[in-house]
Protein backbone atom coordinates (compact mmCIF):
# COMPACT_ATOMS: atom_id res chain seq x y z
CA MET A 1 -71.70 -186.51 149.63
CA ILE A 2 -71.60 -184.02 146.80
CA TYR A 3 -68.10 -182.93 147.80
CA TYR A 4 -66.71 -186.49 147.43
CA LEU A 5 -68.59 -187.10 144.17
CA ALA A 6 -67.25 -183.81 142.72
CA ALA A 7 -63.72 -184.64 143.81
CA TYR A 8 -63.89 -188.03 142.10
CA LEU A 9 -65.43 -186.74 138.86
CA LYS A 10 -62.97 -183.83 138.69
CA ASP A 11 -60.06 -186.25 138.45
CA ALA A 12 -61.76 -189.05 136.55
CA VAL A 13 -63.45 -187.01 133.77
CA PRO A 14 -61.24 -184.30 132.18
CA GLU A 15 -64.33 -182.46 130.85
CA LEU A 16 -65.59 -181.94 134.42
CA THR A 17 -62.57 -180.06 135.74
CA PHE A 18 -64.89 -177.12 136.48
CA LEU A 19 -66.03 -179.18 139.49
CA ARG A 20 -62.90 -177.94 141.26
CA LEU A 21 -65.14 -175.02 142.24
CA VAL A 22 -67.10 -177.41 144.44
CA VAL A 23 -63.97 -179.10 145.80
CA ASP A 24 -61.70 -176.12 146.37
CA SER A 25 -64.07 -173.24 147.18
CA ILE A 26 -65.10 -172.98 150.79
CA THR A 27 -67.37 -170.00 149.95
CA PHE A 28 -69.20 -171.96 147.25
CA ARG A 29 -69.83 -174.90 149.50
CA ALA A 30 -70.88 -172.58 152.38
CA MET A 31 -73.49 -170.85 150.16
CA ALA A 32 -74.64 -174.16 148.70
CA GLY A 33 -74.92 -175.69 152.16
CA ALA A 34 -76.93 -172.75 153.45
CA MET A 35 -79.37 -172.96 150.49
CA THR A 36 -79.67 -176.73 150.93
CA ALA A 37 -80.67 -176.42 154.59
CA LEU A 38 -82.99 -173.46 153.88
CA LEU A 39 -84.83 -175.12 150.99
CA PHE A 40 -85.09 -178.47 152.73
CA THR A 41 -86.61 -176.85 155.78
CA ILE A 42 -89.17 -174.83 153.80
CA VAL A 43 -90.10 -177.51 151.28
CA PHE A 44 -90.38 -180.43 153.66
CA GLY A 45 -90.94 -178.64 156.92
CA GLY A 46 -94.71 -178.62 156.76
CA ARG A 47 -94.90 -182.42 156.25
CA ILE A 48 -92.38 -183.12 158.93
CA ILE A 49 -94.12 -180.87 161.42
CA LEU A 50 -97.46 -182.49 160.59
CA HIS A 51 -95.87 -185.87 161.30
CA PHE A 52 -94.58 -184.69 164.64
CA TYR A 53 -98.02 -183.25 165.48
CA ARG A 54 -99.87 -186.46 164.63
CA SER A 55 -97.45 -188.51 166.67
CA GLY A 56 -98.26 -186.42 169.74
CA GLN A 57 -95.00 -184.50 170.03
CA ARG A 58 -96.54 -181.37 171.54
CA ASP A 59 -95.40 -179.24 174.48
CA ILE A 60 -97.41 -178.76 177.64
CA VAL A 61 -98.08 -175.12 178.48
CA ARG A 62 -97.17 -174.07 182.03
CA ARG A 63 -99.47 -171.68 183.90
CA TYR A 64 -98.08 -169.05 186.25
CA ALA A 65 -99.71 -166.71 188.68
CA HIS A 66 -98.44 -163.66 186.87
CA PHE A 67 -99.72 -165.11 183.57
CA PRO A 68 -103.27 -166.15 184.58
CA THR A 69 -104.31 -166.54 180.96
CA SER A 70 -101.25 -167.57 179.05
CA PRO A 71 -101.22 -166.34 175.44
CA HIS A 72 -99.34 -169.45 174.42
CA GLN A 73 -101.05 -172.54 173.10
CA ALA A 74 -99.52 -176.02 172.92
CA LYS A 75 -97.15 -176.21 169.95
CA THR A 76 -95.45 -179.06 168.15
CA TYR A 77 -91.88 -179.94 168.99
CA GLY A 78 -89.97 -179.37 165.76
CA GLY A 79 -86.31 -179.64 166.79
CA GLY A 80 -86.00 -182.75 164.61
CA LEU A 81 -86.55 -180.54 161.55
CA ILE A 82 -83.51 -178.45 162.41
CA ILE A 83 -81.46 -181.55 163.10
CA ALA A 84 -82.37 -183.12 159.78
CA ALA A 85 -81.67 -179.93 157.76
CA ILE A 86 -78.24 -179.39 159.34
CA LEU A 87 -77.23 -183.04 159.05
CA LEU A 88 -78.24 -183.14 155.38
CA GLY A 89 -76.23 -179.99 154.60
CA ILE A 90 -73.16 -181.31 156.42
CA LEU A 91 -73.26 -184.75 154.78
CA LEU A 92 -73.68 -183.21 151.31
CA TRP A 93 -71.19 -180.34 151.36
CA CYS A 94 -68.54 -180.88 154.09
CA LYS A 95 -65.37 -183.01 154.24
CA VAL A 96 -66.94 -185.30 156.81
CA HIS A 97 -63.68 -187.17 157.42
CA THR A 98 -61.85 -184.18 158.89
CA GLY A 99 -61.27 -183.74 162.63
CA PHE A 100 -63.00 -180.38 162.92
CA VAL A 101 -66.15 -181.70 161.30
CA TRP A 102 -66.19 -184.86 163.42
CA LEU A 103 -65.86 -182.90 166.69
CA ALA A 104 -68.58 -180.43 165.66
CA LEU A 105 -70.91 -183.25 164.64
CA THR A 106 -70.26 -185.13 167.88
CA GLY A 107 -71.25 -182.10 169.96
CA PHE A 108 -74.27 -181.42 167.81
CA LEU A 109 -75.60 -184.96 168.02
CA TRP A 110 -74.77 -185.41 171.72
CA PHE A 111 -76.80 -182.35 172.77
CA ALA A 112 -79.53 -183.18 170.27
CA GLY A 113 -79.80 -186.58 171.88
CA LEU A 114 -80.06 -185.09 175.39
CA GLY A 115 -82.74 -182.65 174.17
CA ALA A 116 -84.70 -185.44 172.47
CA VAL A 117 -84.74 -187.54 175.62
CA ASP A 118 -85.88 -184.51 177.63
CA ASP A 119 -88.69 -183.72 175.16
CA TYR A 120 -89.76 -187.37 174.97
CA MET A 121 -90.07 -187.58 178.75
CA LYS A 122 -92.18 -184.40 178.86
CA VAL A 123 -94.51 -185.77 176.21
CA ARG A 124 -94.73 -189.20 177.79
CA TYR A 125 -95.66 -187.92 181.21
CA GLY A 126 -97.71 -184.99 179.91
CA ASN A 127 -95.83 -182.54 182.08
CA SER A 128 -93.19 -179.97 181.16
CA ASP A 129 -91.50 -180.48 184.50
CA ARG A 130 -91.06 -184.24 184.06
CA GLY A 131 -88.13 -184.13 181.68
CA LEU A 132 -84.53 -184.81 182.59
CA SER A 133 -83.56 -183.40 185.96
CA GLU A 134 -81.37 -180.30 186.01
CA ALA A 135 -78.59 -182.29 187.72
CA GLY A 136 -78.89 -185.07 185.18
CA LYS A 137 -78.65 -182.64 182.27
CA LEU A 138 -75.62 -180.88 183.71
CA LEU A 139 -73.88 -184.17 184.46
CA LEU A 140 -74.34 -185.47 180.89
CA GLN A 141 -73.34 -182.10 179.40
CA MET A 142 -70.22 -181.91 181.56
CA PHE A 143 -69.34 -185.52 180.57
CA TYR A 144 -69.33 -184.44 176.92
CA GLY A 145 -67.48 -181.23 177.71
CA VAL A 146 -64.67 -183.00 179.53
CA GLY A 147 -64.41 -185.73 176.88
CA PHE A 148 -64.29 -183.17 174.11
CA GLY A 149 -61.74 -181.14 176.04
CA VAL A 150 -59.40 -184.10 176.43
CA VAL A 151 -59.62 -184.97 172.72
CA TYR A 152 -58.97 -181.36 171.77
CA VAL A 153 -56.03 -180.87 174.12
CA VAL A 154 -54.14 -184.10 173.33
CA GLU A 155 -52.05 -183.28 170.23
CA ALA A 156 -52.26 -186.78 168.85
CA TRP A 157 -56.06 -186.52 168.64
CA SER A 158 -56.59 -182.79 168.15
CA PRO A 159 -57.21 -181.26 164.71
CA ALA A 160 -55.61 -178.02 165.94
CA PRO A 161 -51.95 -177.22 165.06
CA PRO A 162 -49.39 -178.49 167.62
CA GLY A 163 -49.05 -176.32 170.69
CA PHE A 164 -52.07 -174.24 169.76
CA ALA A 165 -55.08 -175.95 171.32
CA THR A 166 -54.51 -174.79 174.91
CA GLN A 167 -53.84 -171.15 174.02
CA LEU A 168 -56.41 -168.66 175.37
CA TYR A 169 -57.43 -165.78 173.08
CA LEU A 170 -59.41 -162.67 173.97
CA PRO A 171 -61.26 -160.31 171.65
CA PHE A 172 -59.39 -157.13 170.72
CA LEU A 173 -56.04 -158.75 171.45
CA LYS A 174 -53.77 -160.06 168.68
CA TYR A 175 -51.88 -162.70 170.61
CA PRO A 176 -52.82 -165.39 173.16
CA VAL A 177 -52.87 -164.14 176.75
CA LEU A 178 -52.27 -167.46 178.47
CA ASP A 179 -51.48 -171.14 177.93
CA LEU A 180 -53.89 -173.05 180.14
CA SER A 181 -52.38 -176.46 179.48
CA TRP A 182 -54.62 -179.16 181.05
CA GLY A 183 -56.61 -176.37 182.77
CA TYR A 184 -58.14 -175.79 179.35
CA VAL A 185 -60.24 -178.95 179.72
CA PRO A 186 -62.50 -177.70 182.52
CA PHE A 187 -62.63 -174.28 180.84
CA ILE A 188 -63.89 -176.00 177.64
CA ALA A 189 -66.48 -177.99 179.58
CA PHE A 190 -67.76 -174.89 181.33
CA THR A 191 -67.92 -172.88 178.08
CA ILE A 192 -69.90 -175.49 176.16
CA VAL A 193 -72.34 -176.18 179.01
CA ALA A 194 -72.86 -172.45 179.67
CA ILE A 195 -73.52 -171.63 176.00
CA SER A 196 -75.81 -174.61 175.45
CA ASN A 197 -77.95 -173.77 178.45
CA SER A 198 -78.09 -170.05 177.70
CA VAL A 199 -79.52 -170.82 174.25
CA ASN A 200 -81.99 -173.24 175.84
CA LEU A 201 -83.20 -170.51 178.22
CA ALA A 202 -83.81 -168.07 175.36
CA ASP A 203 -86.17 -170.41 173.57
CA GLY A 204 -89.34 -169.09 175.25
CA ILE A 205 -91.17 -166.96 172.67
CA ASP A 206 -91.94 -167.66 169.06
CA GLY A 207 -88.84 -166.92 166.99
CA LEU A 208 -86.88 -165.39 169.87
CA ALA A 209 -83.84 -167.74 169.95
CA ILE A 210 -83.52 -168.84 166.35
CA MET A 211 -82.24 -165.65 164.80
CA PRO A 212 -79.68 -164.78 167.48
CA VAL A 213 -78.28 -168.29 166.96
CA GLY A 214 -78.15 -167.63 163.24
CA PHE A 215 -76.33 -164.31 163.77
CA ALA A 216 -73.80 -165.82 166.11
CA MET A 217 -73.12 -168.72 163.78
CA ALA A 218 -72.65 -166.34 160.86
CA VAL A 219 -70.01 -164.40 162.78
CA TYR A 220 -68.16 -167.52 163.85
CA GLY A 221 -68.29 -168.69 160.22
CA VAL A 222 -66.39 -165.54 159.20
CA PHE A 223 -63.81 -166.09 161.90
CA ALA A 224 -63.34 -169.71 160.78
CA TYR A 225 -62.81 -168.57 157.20
CA VAL A 226 -60.22 -166.02 158.24
CA SER A 227 -58.30 -168.65 160.21
CA SER A 228 -58.45 -171.10 157.30
CA HIS A 229 -56.94 -168.68 154.76
CA ALA A 230 -53.16 -168.33 154.98
CA THR A 231 -53.02 -164.84 153.43
CA ILE A 232 -56.00 -163.29 155.26
CA SER A 233 -55.04 -164.79 158.61
CA GLN A 234 -51.52 -163.44 158.24
CA PHE A 235 -52.84 -159.97 157.28
CA LEU A 236 -55.21 -159.86 160.22
CA ILE A 237 -52.74 -161.54 162.58
CA PHE A 238 -54.92 -164.57 163.25
CA PRO A 239 -53.51 -168.05 163.85
CA PHE A 240 -53.60 -170.05 160.63
CA MET A 241 -55.51 -173.33 161.19
CA PRO A 242 -55.59 -175.61 158.14
CA GLY A 243 -58.90 -177.42 157.75
CA ILE A 244 -60.94 -175.15 159.98
CA GLY A 245 -62.69 -173.66 156.91
CA GLU A 246 -65.04 -176.66 157.11
CA LEU A 247 -66.56 -174.94 160.14
CA THR A 248 -67.41 -171.97 157.91
CA ILE A 249 -69.57 -174.34 155.89
CA ILE A 250 -71.19 -175.80 159.02
CA CYS A 251 -71.94 -172.31 160.40
CA SER A 252 -73.44 -171.28 157.02
CA ILE A 253 -75.59 -174.46 156.97
CA VAL A 254 -76.88 -173.68 160.46
CA PHE A 255 -77.67 -170.13 159.39
CA GLY A 256 -79.70 -171.46 156.44
CA ALA A 257 -81.51 -173.96 158.70
CA CYS A 258 -82.33 -171.13 161.18
CA LEU A 259 -83.88 -169.01 158.42
CA GLY A 260 -85.90 -172.00 157.14
CA PHE A 261 -87.13 -172.87 160.64
CA LEU A 262 -88.18 -169.26 161.16
CA TRP A 263 -90.59 -169.78 158.28
CA PHE A 264 -92.66 -171.88 160.66
CA ASN A 265 -91.43 -170.54 164.04
CA SER A 266 -92.37 -166.88 163.44
CA TYR A 267 -95.28 -165.51 165.42
CA PRO A 268 -97.83 -167.02 165.75
CA ALA A 269 -95.77 -170.23 165.58
CA ASN A 270 -97.18 -173.72 165.13
CA VAL A 271 -93.86 -175.29 166.00
CA ILE A 272 -91.07 -174.71 168.53
CA MET A 273 -87.51 -176.00 168.76
CA GLY A 274 -88.01 -177.71 172.07
CA ASP A 275 -84.94 -178.92 173.98
CA THR A 276 -84.06 -181.10 170.97
CA GLY A 277 -83.37 -178.08 168.79
CA SER A 278 -82.25 -175.48 171.32
CA MET A 279 -79.80 -177.78 173.13
CA ALA A 280 -78.42 -179.11 169.83
CA LEU A 281 -77.87 -175.58 168.49
CA GLY A 282 -76.39 -174.42 171.80
CA GLY A 283 -74.08 -177.39 172.02
CA LEU A 284 -72.88 -176.93 168.44
CA LEU A 285 -72.44 -173.18 169.03
CA GLY A 286 -70.30 -173.82 172.10
CA THR A 287 -68.26 -176.50 170.34
CA VAL A 288 -67.60 -174.18 167.38
CA ALA A 289 -66.59 -171.36 169.72
CA VAL A 290 -63.96 -173.60 171.27
CA LEU A 291 -62.67 -174.99 167.95
CA ILE A 292 -62.27 -171.52 166.49
CA LYS A 293 -60.53 -170.35 169.74
CA GLN A 294 -63.04 -167.51 170.22
CA GLU A 295 -64.82 -168.51 173.43
CA PHE A 296 -64.94 -165.02 174.89
CA LEU A 297 -66.23 -163.58 171.66
CA PHE A 298 -69.55 -165.22 172.63
CA LEU A 299 -69.93 -162.65 175.41
CA ILE A 300 -70.35 -160.10 172.56
CA ILE A 301 -72.11 -161.88 169.75
CA GLY A 302 -74.15 -164.04 172.12
CA GLY A 303 -75.09 -161.09 174.34
CA VAL A 304 -78.80 -161.90 174.09
CA PHE A 305 -78.15 -165.38 175.49
CA VAL A 306 -75.79 -164.05 178.14
CA GLY A 307 -78.48 -161.61 179.28
CA GLU A 308 -81.06 -164.41 179.42
CA ALA A 309 -78.76 -166.58 181.55
CA LEU A 310 -77.74 -163.74 183.88
CA SER A 311 -81.38 -162.72 184.40
CA SER A 312 -82.22 -166.29 185.49
CA LEU A 313 -79.20 -166.39 187.77
CA LEU A 314 -80.16 -163.01 189.24
CA GLN A 315 -83.73 -164.09 189.86
CA GLU A 316 -83.32 -167.66 191.08
CA LYS A 317 -79.97 -167.70 192.84
CA ILE A 318 -79.62 -164.16 194.20
CA GLY A 319 -83.15 -162.84 194.43
CA ILE A 320 -85.21 -165.84 195.58
CA ARG A 321 -82.55 -167.91 197.42
CA TRP A 322 -80.45 -165.20 199.00
CA LEU A 323 -82.71 -162.19 199.29
CA GLY A 324 -85.97 -164.07 199.61
CA ARG A 325 -87.79 -161.97 196.98
CA ARG A 326 -88.15 -161.57 193.25
CA ILE A 327 -85.93 -159.00 191.57
CA LEU A 328 -87.76 -159.39 188.20
CA TYR A 329 -91.40 -160.15 187.57
CA SER A 330 -90.28 -163.37 185.96
CA SER A 331 -87.17 -164.94 184.43
CA PRO A 332 -85.55 -165.34 181.96
CA ILE A 333 -85.84 -161.67 181.13
CA HIS A 334 -88.12 -162.09 178.07
CA HIS A 335 -90.75 -163.36 180.50
CA HIS A 336 -90.19 -160.25 182.62
CA PHE A 337 -91.06 -158.08 179.61
CA GLN A 338 -94.12 -160.25 178.92
CA ALA A 339 -95.31 -159.74 182.50
CA ARG A 340 -94.90 -155.98 182.02
CA GLY A 341 -97.34 -156.16 179.13
CA LEU A 342 -94.99 -155.87 176.18
CA ALA A 343 -96.24 -157.70 173.09
CA ASP A 344 -94.35 -160.88 172.13
CA THR A 345 -93.63 -159.61 168.63
CA LYS A 346 -92.12 -156.41 169.99
CA ILE A 347 -89.91 -158.33 172.41
CA VAL A 348 -88.71 -160.66 169.68
CA ILE A 349 -87.94 -157.94 167.14
CA ARG A 350 -86.07 -155.87 169.67
CA PHE A 351 -84.00 -158.86 170.77
CA TRP A 352 -83.21 -159.52 167.08
CA ILE A 353 -82.11 -155.91 166.60
CA ILE A 354 -79.82 -156.20 169.67
CA ALA A 355 -78.43 -159.53 168.39
CA GLY A 356 -77.74 -157.99 164.95
CA ILE A 357 -75.93 -155.00 166.51
CA LEU A 358 -73.88 -157.34 168.71
CA ALA A 359 -72.97 -159.50 165.72
CA ILE A 360 -71.65 -156.39 163.91
CA CYS A 361 -69.63 -155.48 167.03
CA GLY A 362 -68.21 -159.03 167.02
CA LEU A 363 -67.17 -158.71 163.41
CA ALA A 364 -65.46 -155.44 164.26
CA THR A 365 -63.02 -157.32 166.53
CA LEU A 366 -61.50 -158.85 163.37
CA LYS A 367 -59.77 -155.52 162.76
CA ILE A 368 -59.93 -153.64 166.06
CA ARG A 369 -57.17 -155.61 167.77
């Protein structure tokens, strides 16, 4: 609640007018939020992870025929560490009462809750296949997606400017291409569910998913800042959305939390995100993409996740079900590279490089329009 405290002291104590920097500057609060999440994760992460380990929150390693001796050992579920760091940063530095923050927080906590239940069931039954069923997950994710879509589309409830929420924007184009009206609700639901599950699929090797999430969030943070600034948005021909700058702070906080979690999640990791962390980050990423009106931008900046999802679709739905054979050695595609004998660290670093390049390409769409 540092924002509210600074706002009160700025007006109540004349000598503390310098606190307007905290109140009025999105960039200051974004940097402070990122540092808060980063330092909290690094300083307290070891103790929190130890607590999770002692309480038995450890994954169960699957064995596959093409991985007769899996290089992976059972690791501690540490998604709660990411959740705590992000929540702390948001509560300290954001205007929590605003609509954009409430919607982002709702999505984050909803998907974190689903992931926590899934992880709990796996630990309870001692089997990685005994979590929530695929159908159950999709149903609960779609329930949130539809509910969020309705709130966002109805002008009386939506934080978006009137007549703007249902407009569909594409990268490289300056103006909306279509008004989907109520058809935007199922589109929102599909977008959030697809992004959340694609991030979840990528969480399969130490450190693989965390940095691409950080890169994507950083890019969305820049887009949110542009849309929140009247002069910059007019110069770049972006829709001006008052209040959306709070999402810049949230994206920055997530980036800081991702860096802090990587401190423990880098190879060889003693902690993984589990579904609690990966689904929460994916749900928040999808929610932010919709709020910023840049859903299709994810196809660029989230290219690593798109590739992971498409490889699973190619293997499971087309290869095994339709063709009756495997197209890849394993899926998602990072497991294919593992089966080919590529070292985990090499796979991860190369995926990071690709994610960084795609993030730069996404930023280029700010001007190339």
